[in-house]
Protein backbone atom coordinates (compact mmCIF):
# COMPACT_ATOMS: atom_id res chain seq x y z
CA ILE A 1 14.71 107.67 39.23
CA ILE A 2 12.56 110.57 40.47
CA ASN A 3 9.95 110.29 37.79
CA GLN A 4 9.46 106.66 37.87
CA TYR A 5 9.80 106.08 41.69
CA ASN A 6 8.65 109.28 43.42
CA PRO A 7 11.11 108.73 46.29
CA SER A 8 10.71 110.44 49.42
CA TYR A 9 14.45 110.31 50.30
CA ILE A 10 17.50 109.28 48.39
CA CYS A 11 20.77 107.67 50.23
CA LEU A 12 24.31 107.68 48.42
CA PHE A 13 27.68 106.81 49.12
CA ASN A 14 29.56 110.41 47.85
CA GLU A 15 30.60 112.49 50.95
CA TRP A 16 33.60 113.19 48.74
CA ASP A 17 31.82 114.29 45.77
CA LEU A 18 32.12 117.91 44.46
CA VAL A 19 28.75 117.80 42.73
CA SER A 20 27.09 116.82 46.42
CA PRO A 21 25.85 120.36 46.80
CA SER A 22 23.92 120.31 43.43
CA ILE A 23 22.43 117.06 44.10
CA HIS A 24 21.34 118.40 47.45
CA SER A 25 19.86 121.39 45.97
CA TYR A 26 18.04 119.79 43.27
CA LEU A 27 16.34 116.98 45.75
CA SER A 28 15.52 119.64 48.13
CA ASN A 29 13.73 121.73 45.57
CA ASN A 30 11.75 118.83 44.68
CA GLY A 31 10.99 118.00 48.43
CA ILE A 32 13.11 114.86 48.68
CA ILE A 33 15.38 114.40 51.43
CA TYR A 34 19.11 113.78 50.57
CA GLU A 35 21.04 111.34 52.81
CA ILE A 36 24.61 110.17 52.55
CA LEU A 37 26.24 107.14 54.13
CA MET A 38 29.95 107.36 54.91
CA HIS A 39 31.69 105.30 52.52
CA GLY A 40 35.59 105.55 53.50
CA ASP A 41 38.11 106.64 56.00
CA LYS A 42 38.32 110.33 56.03
CA ALA A 43 41.00 112.94 56.96
CA TYR A 44 41.31 116.50 56.41
CA GLU A 45 40.68 116.78 52.52
CA LEU A 46 39.13 119.70 50.68
CA THR A 47 37.07 117.53 48.62
CA ASP A 48 35.07 116.33 51.50
CA SER A 49 34.53 120.21 52.48
CA TYR A 50 32.08 120.71 49.75
CA THR A 51 29.72 117.78 51.18
CA SER A 52 26.21 118.89 51.56
CA SER A 53 23.14 117.02 52.59
CA ASP A 54 20.10 116.59 54.87
CA LYS A 55 21.87 113.92 56.92
CA LEU A 56 25.30 112.31 56.93
CA TYR A 57 25.52 108.85 58.42
CA ILE A 58 29.04 108.46 60.02
CA TRP A 59 30.83 105.81 61.88
CA SER A 60 32.28 107.92 64.97
CA LYS A 61 32.36 110.96 66.64
CA GLU A 62 35.67 111.51 65.25
CA TYR A 63 34.58 111.86 61.97
CA GLU A 64 31.89 114.34 62.93
CA ASP A 65 34.55 116.48 64.13
CA ILE A 66 36.57 116.06 60.88
CA PHE A 67 33.50 116.96 58.79
CA ARG A 68 32.24 119.80 61.16
CA ASP A 69 36.06 121.39 60.90
CA LEU A 70 35.75 121.25 57.16
CA ARG A 71 32.39 122.95 57.63
CA VAL A 72 30.32 120.30 55.95
CA LYS A 73 26.47 121.26 55.82
CA SER A 74 24.62 118.41 56.89
CA GLU A 75 22.97 116.94 60.13
CA PHE A 76 25.19 113.98 61.62
CA GLN A 77 24.09 110.64 62.89
CA ILE A 78 26.56 108.38 64.22
CA ILE A 79 25.77 104.70 63.42
CA GLY A 80 29.11 102.81 64.40
CA TYR A 81 31.51 101.02 62.10
CA PRO A 82 30.08 98.57 59.46
CA ASN A 83 29.80 94.86 60.34
CA ASP A 84 32.58 93.84 58.17
CA PHE A 85 35.21 96.01 60.00
CA ASN A 86 36.59 92.97 61.56
CA ILE A 87 39.19 91.34 59.25
CA LYS A 88 39.75 87.52 59.93
CA VAL A 89 43.39 87.00 61.44
CA ARG A 90 44.96 83.66 61.69
CA GLY A 91 47.23 82.83 64.28
CA SER A 92 50.84 82.16 63.04
CA SER A 93 54.42 83.38 63.81
CA GLU A 94 54.82 84.33 60.16
CA LYS A 95 55.67 87.86 59.74
CA ARG A 96 53.79 89.40 56.64
CA ILE A 97 54.33 92.91 55.80
CA PHE A 98 51.45 94.46 53.48
CA PHE A 99 51.54 98.05 51.66
CA ILE A 100 48.48 99.99 50.85
CA PRO A 101 50.06 102.45 48.37
CA PRO A 102 48.42 105.93 48.72
CA ILE A 103 46.40 107.64 45.71
CA LYS A 104 47.57 110.68 43.83
CA ARG A 105 44.60 112.91 45.24
CA ASN A 106 45.90 112.61 48.79
CA PHE A 107 49.53 114.27 47.87
CA SER A 108 50.61 117.37 46.05
CA LEU A 109 53.13 116.80 43.06
CA GLU A 110 56.24 117.80 45.54
CA GLU A 111 54.82 115.52 48.15
CA SER A 112 54.41 112.74 45.33
CA LYS A 113 57.91 113.02 44.11
CA ARG A 114 59.32 112.86 47.73
CA HIS A 115 57.21 109.86 48.72
CA GLN A 116 57.80 108.27 45.60
CA LYS A 117 61.71 107.78 46.22
CA GLU A 118 61.07 106.73 49.92
CA LEU A 119 58.19 104.11 48.99
CA ILE A 120 59.89 102.68 46.15
CA SER A 121 63.11 102.22 48.44
CA PHE A 122 60.64 100.73 51.20
CA ILE A 123 59.15 98.54 48.71
CA GLN A 124 62.54 97.19 47.30
CA THR A 125 63.78 96.51 50.67
CA LYS A 126 60.97 94.92 52.34
CA ASN A 127 59.30 93.17 49.66
CA PRO A 128 55.66 93.71 50.87
CA LEU A 129 52.67 91.95 49.67
CA ILE A 130 50.57 95.03 48.11
CA LYS A 131 47.19 95.61 48.23
CA LEU A 132 45.91 98.17 45.63
CA HIS A 133 42.67 100.20 45.74
CA PRO A 134 39.77 98.30 43.77
CA LYS A 135 39.11 101.84 41.81
CA TYR A 136 42.52 103.42 41.98
CA SER A 137 44.78 100.53 41.11
CA LYS A 138 46.16 101.65 37.68
CA GLU A 139 46.87 105.13 39.10
CA GLN A 140 48.62 103.77 42.09
CA ILE A 141 50.81 101.41 39.91
CA LYS A 142 51.66 104.43 37.75
CA LEU A 143 52.33 106.83 40.34
CA PHE A 144 54.84 104.55 42.12
CA SER A 145 56.35 102.45 39.46
CA ILE A 146 55.49 99.41 41.60
CA SER A 147 54.69 96.99 38.86
CA LYS A 148 58.25 95.62 38.79
CA TYR A 149 58.72 95.52 42.43
CA SER A 150 56.54 93.19 44.23
CA SER A 151 53.90 90.68 44.79
CA PHE A 152 50.03 92.05 44.75
CA VAL A 153 47.44 90.61 46.76
CA GLU A 154 43.31 90.39 46.03
CA ASP A 155 42.61 88.97 49.39
CA LEU A 156 44.48 89.56 52.46
CA ASP A 157 45.81 86.50 54.46
CA LEU A 158 46.55 88.49 57.90
CA THR A 159 48.62 86.70 60.67
CA ASN A 160 48.45 88.09 64.01
CA ASN A 161 52.24 88.95 63.38
CA SER A 162 51.27 91.15 60.22
CA ILE A 163 52.09 94.57 59.79
CA MET A 164 50.41 96.84 57.59
CA VAL A 165 51.40 100.15 56.06
CA GLY A 166 49.87 102.80 54.26
CA TYR A 167 48.46 106.31 54.33
CA ILE A 168 44.69 107.23 54.44
CA SER A 169 42.75 104.11 53.86
CA THR A 170 39.56 102.30 55.16
CA LEU A 171 41.81 98.89 55.13
CA LEU A 172 44.17 100.34 57.73
CA LEU A 173 41.38 101.32 59.84
CA LYS A 174 39.93 97.59 59.32
CA ALA A 175 43.49 96.44 60.33
CA ALA A 176 43.91 98.31 63.34
CA ILE A 177 40.33 97.44 64.54
CA SER A 178 41.18 93.83 64.07
CA GLY A 179 44.51 93.94 66.07
CA ILE A 180 46.93 94.21 63.29
CA ASP A 181 49.98 96.43 63.83
CA VAL A 182 49.39 99.62 61.28
CA ARG A 183 52.20 101.88 60.17
CA VAL A 184 50.76 105.27 58.97
CA ILE A 185 52.81 107.14 56.37
CA LYS A 186 52.75 110.86 57.31
CA SER A 187 52.45 113.53 54.51
């Protein structure tokens, strides 16, 4: 890409990537500005502490605080939330429970075992509609053995009485911004 297009800057969506410092160093040595556009919701995760870029475009001041606490090496620019953050919510008295399963990297092995029992019990008793992560769906199904318990949904049909349950997820943030009752699983 560099030889063919001779870019003056490159912008990626990889703030969690452990090779970020290597990419930054390589591009910097070749006179190319390296920018990162925030990809998804953040918490205090070690993988994000390796982030390195010339500029990191973030959604809000809260994320700047998280990245600074993790000692991320970058200049920050707050750009606001993406336009697609408002989810369409239909007015209805129908109460629907949605579950966003965590992904394995968010928990230690001990936490996974503890959460696994609790979450399977939740799934069995509440029978929520499950929305899997596009990239980590196989991992989520395997980690929580959820394939036999519930209904999976591709698209969210949210009502103003919906409840969304999950851990760290951009979808939970979108739901909260859209006025949905969100319940966050604590680690």
